[in-house]
Amino acid sequence: MPRKPRTEQEYELAVSDEAAAYIADALMQLALEFENTHYFQICRHYEAIAPEPDQDPRQLDLFRRPASRDPG
């Protein structure tokens, strides 16, 4: 079965396996460094856009931390 010839756009985007791996590693490192540097700003943004919890008394609060137990 003959291969379909690449379009001009596909040809421009083609990279070797090794190059793809290096690019992916570099982008991941950049993303991790950015997230580490701006972590609290990112958290504040997500908290600001989070929806308010329902006030339905029948709704269980699955994310509330349980009261700490006194081991004594």
Protein backbone atom coordinates (compact mmCIF):
# COMPACT_ATOMS: atom_id res chain seq x y z
CA MET A 1 0.00 0.00 0.00
CA PRO A 2 1.67 3.25 -1.08
CA ARG A 3 2.08 6.04 1.45
CA LYS A 4 0.05 9.16 0.98
CA PRO A 5 2.33 12.06 0.11
CA ARG A 6 2.68 14.64 2.87
CA THR A 7 1.08 18.01 2.48
CA GLU A 8 3.27 21.09 2.73
CA GLN A 9 1.99 21.80 6.25
CA GLU A 10 2.68 18.25 7.42
CA TYR A 11 6.17 18.44 5.95
CA GLU A 12 6.93 21.66 7.84
CA LEU A 13 5.76 20.15 11.14
CA ALA A 14 7.66 16.88 10.78
CA VAL A 15 10.41 16.32 13.37
CA SER A 16 12.45 13.29 14.26
CA ASP A 17 11.56 11.09 17.22
CA GLU A 18 14.59 12.37 19.10
CA ALA A 19 13.72 16.01 18.40
CA ALA A 20 10.12 15.44 19.49
CA ALA A 21 11.33 13.93 22.77
CA TYR A 22 13.73 16.83 23.43
CA ILE A 23 11.03 19.40 22.64
CA ALA A 24 8.52 17.64 24.89
CA ASP A 25 11.05 17.52 27.74
CA ALA A 26 11.92 21.21 27.33
CA LEU A 27 8.26 22.24 27.28
CA MET A 28 7.48 20.13 30.34
CA GLN A 29 10.42 21.64 32.23
CA LEU A 30 9.27 25.14 31.26
CA ALA A 31 5.70 24.39 32.37
CA LEU A 32 6.87 22.97 35.72
CA GLU A 33 9.16 25.92 36.40
CA PHE A 34 6.37 28.35 35.54
CA GLU A 35 3.90 26.53 37.78
CA ASN A 36 6.39 26.45 40.67
CA THR A 37 7.06 30.17 40.29
CA HIS A 38 3.41 31.21 40.01
CA TYR A 39 1.73 28.45 42.06
CA PHE A 40 -0.05 30.72 44.56
CA GLN A 41 -1.32 33.04 41.83
CA ILE A 42 -2.71 30.05 39.94
CA CYS A 43 -4.38 28.75 43.11
CA ARG A 44 -5.92 32.15 43.85
CA HIS A 45 -7.32 32.31 40.33
CA TYR A 46 -8.91 28.86 40.56
CA GLU A 47 -10.36 29.67 43.99
CA ALA A 48 -11.82 32.91 42.63
CA ILE A 49 -13.60 31.16 39.77
CA ALA A 50 -14.76 28.11 41.76
CA PRO A 51 -18.55 27.85 42.05
CA GLU A 52 -20.14 28.38 45.43
CA PRO A 53 -21.19 25.16 47.17
CA ASP A 54 -24.87 24.29 47.27
CA GLN A 55 -26.64 25.27 50.47
CA ASP A 56 -28.92 22.23 50.39
CA PRO A 57 -28.81 20.71 53.91
CA ARG A 58 -29.35 17.24 52.42
CA GLN A 59 -26.10 17.49 50.43
CA LEU A 60 -23.21 15.69 52.09
CA ASP A 61 -19.98 17.64 52.46
CA LEU A 62 -17.47 15.12 51.13
CA PHE A 63 -14.48 17.46 51.24
CA ARG A 64 -14.70 18.84 54.78
CA ARG A 65 -11.86 17.64 56.94
CA PRO A 66 -13.00 15.45 59.82
CA ALA A 67 -12.48 16.73 63.35
CA SER A 68 -9.12 15.64 64.71
CA ARG A 69 -9.30 12.76 67.17
CA ASP A 70 -7.72 13.14 70.55
CA PRO A 71 -5.53 10.03 70.99
CA GLY A 72 -5.80 10.28 74.79
